[in-house]
């Protein structure tokens, strides 16, 4: 089995750290501390985590609309949920 996806080309500039934070916070996500490579976010409402949030993966078009184009978004299972809770406790 293969999964094939496509998306239209998005022409834009890299979103700033502030724009990325604002985008995810507006959607109910809180920053997930402790991961140094890129920004990460967690939403309690549905136990969803978003990883790999950085300027190469989040673009802003000329209208100012922010597009996450290559974020890793997962519903947490039991194991990932424990990891997320440990990270949140450290904050």
N, C-alpha and C. Protein backbone atom coordinates (compact mmCIF):
# COMPACT_ATOMS: atom_id res chain seq x y z
N UNK A 1 0.84 -1.16 0.00
CA UNK A 1 0.00 0.00 0.00
C UNK A 1 0.89 1.24 0.00
N UNK A 2 0.46 2.26 -0.69
CA UNK A 2 1.20 3.52 -0.74
C UNK A 2 0.23 4.67 -0.49
N UNK A 3 0.73 5.67 0.15
CA UNK A 3 -0.04 6.89 0.39
C UNK A 3 0.61 8.01 -0.39
N UNK A 4 -0.15 8.63 -1.27
CA UNK A 4 0.38 9.70 -2.10
C UNK A 4 -0.42 10.96 -1.80
N UNK A 5 0.29 12.03 -1.50
CA UNK A 5 -0.38 13.30 -1.23
C UNK A 5 0.18 14.38 -2.14
N UNK A 6 -0.58 15.43 -2.29
CA UNK A 6 -0.09 16.58 -3.04
C UNK A 6 -0.74 17.83 -2.47
N UNK A 7 -0.14 18.95 -2.76
CA UNK A 7 -0.69 20.23 -2.34
C UNK A 7 -0.31 21.26 -3.37
N UNK A 8 -1.10 22.31 -3.47
CA UNK A 8 -0.72 23.37 -4.41
C UNK A 8 0.55 24.05 -3.92
N UNK A 9 1.29 24.60 -4.85
CA UNK A 9 2.49 25.34 -4.49
C UNK A 9 2.09 26.60 -3.72
N UNK A 10 2.74 26.82 -2.60
CA UNK A 10 2.48 28.00 -1.80
C UNK A 10 3.70 28.91 -1.92
N UNK A 11 3.48 30.07 -2.46
CA UNK A 11 4.55 31.04 -2.59
C UNK A 11 4.46 31.98 -1.41
N UNK A 12 5.54 32.08 -0.68
CA UNK A 12 5.52 32.96 0.48
C UNK A 12 6.88 33.07 1.12
N UNK A 13 6.87 33.68 2.29
CA UNK A 13 8.10 33.84 3.06
C UNK A 13 8.00 33.03 4.34
N UNK A 14 9.12 32.80 4.94
CA UNK A 14 9.14 32.04 6.19
C UNK A 14 8.41 32.83 7.28
N UNK A 15 7.54 32.15 8.01
CA UNK A 15 6.86 32.78 9.13
C UNK A 15 7.86 33.00 10.26
N UNK A 16 7.66 34.06 11.01
CA UNK A 16 8.53 34.32 12.16
C UNK A 16 8.10 33.43 13.33
N UNK A 17 8.96 33.34 14.30
CA UNK A 17 8.65 32.58 15.52
C UNK A 17 7.36 33.11 16.17
N UNK A 18 7.21 34.42 16.19
CA UNK A 18 6.02 35.03 16.77
C UNK A 18 4.77 34.66 15.98
N UNK A 19 4.87 34.66 14.66
CA UNK A 19 3.72 34.29 13.81
C UNK A 19 3.35 32.82 13.99
N UNK A 20 4.35 31.97 14.11
CA UNK A 20 4.08 30.55 14.33
C UNK A 20 3.40 30.34 15.68
N UNK A 21 3.91 30.99 16.72
CA UNK A 21 3.29 30.90 18.04
C UNK A 21 1.85 31.39 18.00
N UNK A 22 1.61 32.53 17.37
CA UNK A 22 0.27 33.09 17.29
C UNK A 22 -0.67 32.16 16.53
N UNK A 23 -0.19 31.57 15.44
CA UNK A 23 -1.02 30.66 14.63
C UNK A 23 -1.50 29.48 15.48
N UNK A 24 -0.58 28.83 16.17
CA UNK A 24 -0.96 27.65 16.94
C UNK A 24 -1.76 28.00 18.20
N UNK A 25 -1.41 29.08 18.85
CA UNK A 25 -2.17 29.50 20.05
C UNK A 25 -3.61 29.84 19.68
N UNK A 26 -3.83 30.46 18.52
CA UNK A 26 -5.18 30.80 18.07
C UNK A 26 -6.03 29.56 17.83
N UNK A 27 -5.39 28.43 17.68
CA UNK A 27 -6.10 27.17 17.44
C UNK A 27 -6.11 26.28 18.69
N UNK A 28 -5.82 26.88 19.83
CA UNK A 28 -5.93 26.17 21.10
C UNK A 28 -4.72 25.39 21.53
N UNK A 29 -3.60 25.54 20.84
CA UNK A 29 -2.38 24.83 21.20
C UNK A 29 -1.55 25.66 22.18
N UNK A 30 -0.86 24.98 23.07
CA UNK A 30 0.10 25.60 23.98
C UNK A 30 1.49 25.11 23.60
N UNK A 31 2.50 25.97 23.75
CA UNK A 31 3.86 25.52 23.47
C UNK A 31 4.23 24.30 24.32
N UNK A 32 4.94 23.39 23.73
CA UNK A 32 5.42 22.20 24.41
C UNK A 32 6.92 22.40 24.64
N UNK A 33 7.32 22.66 25.87
CA UNK A 33 8.73 22.97 26.15
C UNK A 33 9.60 21.72 26.12
N UNK A 34 10.90 21.95 26.07
CA UNK A 34 11.85 20.87 26.25
C UNK A 34 12.41 20.27 24.98
N UNK A 35 11.86 20.62 23.84
CA UNK A 35 12.39 20.12 22.57
C UNK A 35 13.12 21.26 21.89
N UNK A 36 14.39 21.08 21.59
CA UNK A 36 15.24 22.19 21.15
C UNK A 36 15.33 22.36 19.64
N UNK A 37 15.02 21.35 18.86
CA UNK A 37 15.25 21.42 17.42
C UNK A 37 14.30 22.39 16.73
N UNK A 38 13.03 22.36 17.09
CA UNK A 38 12.01 23.22 16.49
C UNK A 38 10.94 23.46 17.54
N UNK A 39 9.99 24.32 17.22
CA UNK A 39 8.87 24.53 18.13
C UNK A 39 7.96 23.31 18.12
N UNK A 40 7.30 23.07 19.23
CA UNK A 40 6.32 22.00 19.33
C UNK A 40 5.14 22.53 20.14
N UNK A 41 3.95 22.01 19.88
CA UNK A 41 2.74 22.47 20.54
C UNK A 41 1.87 21.29 20.93
N UNK A 42 1.04 21.50 21.95
CA UNK A 42 0.12 20.46 22.41
C UNK A 42 -1.24 21.09 22.68
N UNK A 43 -2.31 20.36 22.32
CA UNK A 43 -3.66 20.82 22.59
C UNK A 43 -4.37 19.79 23.45
N UNK A 44 -4.69 20.20 24.69
CA UNK A 44 -5.37 19.32 25.64
C UNK A 44 -6.72 18.83 25.14
N UNK A 45 -7.46 19.71 24.47
CA UNK A 45 -8.83 19.43 24.05
C UNK A 45 -8.96 18.05 23.40
N UNK A 46 -8.09 17.76 22.47
CA UNK A 46 -8.17 16.49 21.75
C UNK A 46 -6.87 15.70 21.79
N UNK A 47 -5.96 16.12 22.69
CA UNK A 47 -4.69 15.43 22.90
C UNK A 47 -3.88 15.30 21.61
N UNK A 48 -3.79 16.43 20.88
CA UNK A 48 -3.04 16.47 19.63
C UNK A 48 -1.74 17.23 19.85
N UNK A 49 -0.67 16.72 19.28
CA UNK A 49 0.64 17.35 19.38
C UNK A 49 1.11 17.72 17.97
N UNK A 50 1.79 18.86 17.87
CA UNK A 50 2.34 19.31 16.58
C UNK A 50 3.84 19.50 16.77
N UNK A 51 4.63 18.80 15.98
CA UNK A 51 6.08 18.85 16.04
C UNK A 51 6.65 19.46 14.76
N UNK A 52 7.92 19.76 14.79
CA UNK A 52 8.69 20.20 13.62
C UNK A 52 8.19 21.53 13.07
N UNK A 53 7.86 22.44 14.00
CA UNK A 53 7.36 23.75 13.63
C UNK A 53 8.55 24.70 13.54
N UNK A 54 8.95 25.02 12.32
CA UNK A 54 10.06 25.95 12.10
C UNK A 54 9.85 26.68 10.78
N UNK A 55 10.68 27.66 10.53
CA UNK A 55 10.45 28.58 9.42
C UNK A 55 10.48 27.93 8.03
N UNK A 56 11.09 26.78 7.88
CA UNK A 56 11.07 26.10 6.59
C UNK A 56 9.76 25.34 6.38
N UNK A 57 9.02 25.11 7.46
CA UNK A 57 7.77 24.34 7.37
C UNK A 57 6.51 25.18 7.51
N UNK A 58 6.67 26.44 7.88
CA UNK A 58 5.52 27.31 8.07
C UNK A 58 5.74 28.57 7.24
N UNK A 59 4.91 28.76 6.22
CA UNK A 59 5.06 29.91 5.32
C UNK A 59 3.92 30.90 5.49
N UNK A 60 4.18 32.14 5.10
CA UNK A 60 3.18 33.19 5.12
C UNK A 60 3.08 33.74 3.70
N UNK A 61 1.85 33.78 3.16
CA UNK A 61 1.71 34.30 1.80
C UNK A 61 1.63 35.82 1.81
N UNK A 62 1.50 36.41 0.64
CA UNK A 62 1.53 37.87 0.54
C UNK A 62 0.34 38.55 1.21
N UNK A 63 -0.72 37.79 1.48
CA UNK A 63 -1.89 38.33 2.20
C UNK A 63 -1.69 38.24 3.71
N UNK A 64 -0.61 37.56 4.13
CA UNK A 64 -0.34 37.40 5.56
C UNK A 64 -0.92 36.13 6.15
N UNK A 65 -1.46 35.25 5.31
CA UNK A 65 -2.04 33.99 5.78
C UNK A 65 -0.91 33.00 6.03
N UNK A 66 -0.95 32.37 7.20
CA UNK A 66 0.08 31.41 7.60
C UNK A 66 -0.35 30.01 7.17
N UNK A 67 0.58 29.28 6.56
CA UNK A 67 0.33 27.92 6.07
C UNK A 67 1.35 26.95 6.65
N UNK A 68 0.93 26.04 7.54
CA UNK A 68 1.84 24.96 7.94
C UNK A 68 1.89 23.95 6.79
N UNK A 69 3.04 23.76 6.19
CA UNK A 69 3.11 22.90 5.02
C UNK A 69 3.79 21.57 5.29
N UNK A 70 4.50 21.44 6.39
CA UNK A 70 5.19 20.17 6.64
C UNK A 70 5.33 19.91 8.13
N UNK A 71 4.32 20.28 8.90
CA UNK A 71 4.34 20.00 10.34
C UNK A 71 3.96 18.54 10.56
N UNK A 72 4.42 17.99 11.65
CA UNK A 72 4.04 16.62 12.04
C UNK A 72 2.97 16.76 13.12
N UNK A 73 1.76 16.33 12.81
CA UNK A 73 0.62 16.46 13.73
C UNK A 73 0.11 15.07 14.05
N UNK A 74 0.05 14.77 15.35
CA UNK A 74 -0.33 13.42 15.80
C UNK A 74 -1.33 13.49 16.94
N UNK A 75 -2.26 12.54 16.96
CA UNK A 75 -3.07 12.31 18.15
C UNK A 75 -2.21 11.46 19.08
N UNK A 76 -2.14 11.86 20.34
CA UNK A 76 -1.26 11.13 21.26
C UNK A 76 -1.88 9.79 21.65
N UNK A 77 -1.05 8.77 21.65
CA UNK A 77 -1.46 7.49 22.22
C UNK A 77 -0.96 7.47 23.67
N UNK A 78 -1.08 6.36 24.33
CA UNK A 78 -0.71 6.30 25.75
C UNK A 78 0.76 6.64 25.98
N UNK A 79 1.64 6.06 25.17
CA UNK A 79 3.08 6.29 25.35
C UNK A 79 3.46 7.74 25.05
N UNK A 80 3.01 8.28 23.92
CA UNK A 80 3.32 9.66 23.58
C UNK A 80 2.68 10.61 24.59
N UNK A 81 1.52 10.27 25.09
CA UNK A 81 0.87 11.09 26.12
C UNK A 81 1.73 11.21 27.37
N UNK A 82 2.37 10.11 27.78
CA UNK A 82 3.26 10.15 28.96
C UNK A 82 4.48 11.05 28.69
N UNK A 83 5.02 10.97 27.50
CA UNK A 83 6.17 11.81 27.15
C UNK A 83 5.77 13.28 27.16
N UNK A 84 4.63 13.59 26.58
CA UNK A 84 4.15 14.97 26.56
C UNK A 84 3.95 15.49 27.98
N UNK A 85 3.35 14.68 28.84
CA UNK A 85 3.12 15.11 30.23
C UNK A 85 4.44 15.37 30.96
N UNK A 86 5.44 14.53 30.74
CA UNK A 86 6.75 14.76 31.37
C UNK A 86 7.36 16.09 30.89
N UNK A 87 7.25 16.37 29.60
CA UNK A 87 7.77 17.62 29.07
C UNK A 87 7.03 18.82 29.67
N UNK A 88 5.73 18.70 29.80
CA UNK A 88 4.95 19.81 30.35
C UNK A 88 5.24 20.03 31.84
N UNK A 89 5.54 18.97 32.56
CA UNK A 89 5.86 19.09 33.98
C UNK A 89 7.18 19.82 34.20
N UNK A 90 8.09 19.72 33.26
CA UNK A 90 9.39 20.36 33.38
C UNK A 90 9.33 21.86 33.21
N UNK A 91 8.28 22.33 32.57
CA UNK A 91 8.17 23.77 32.24
C UNK A 91 8.00 24.62 33.48
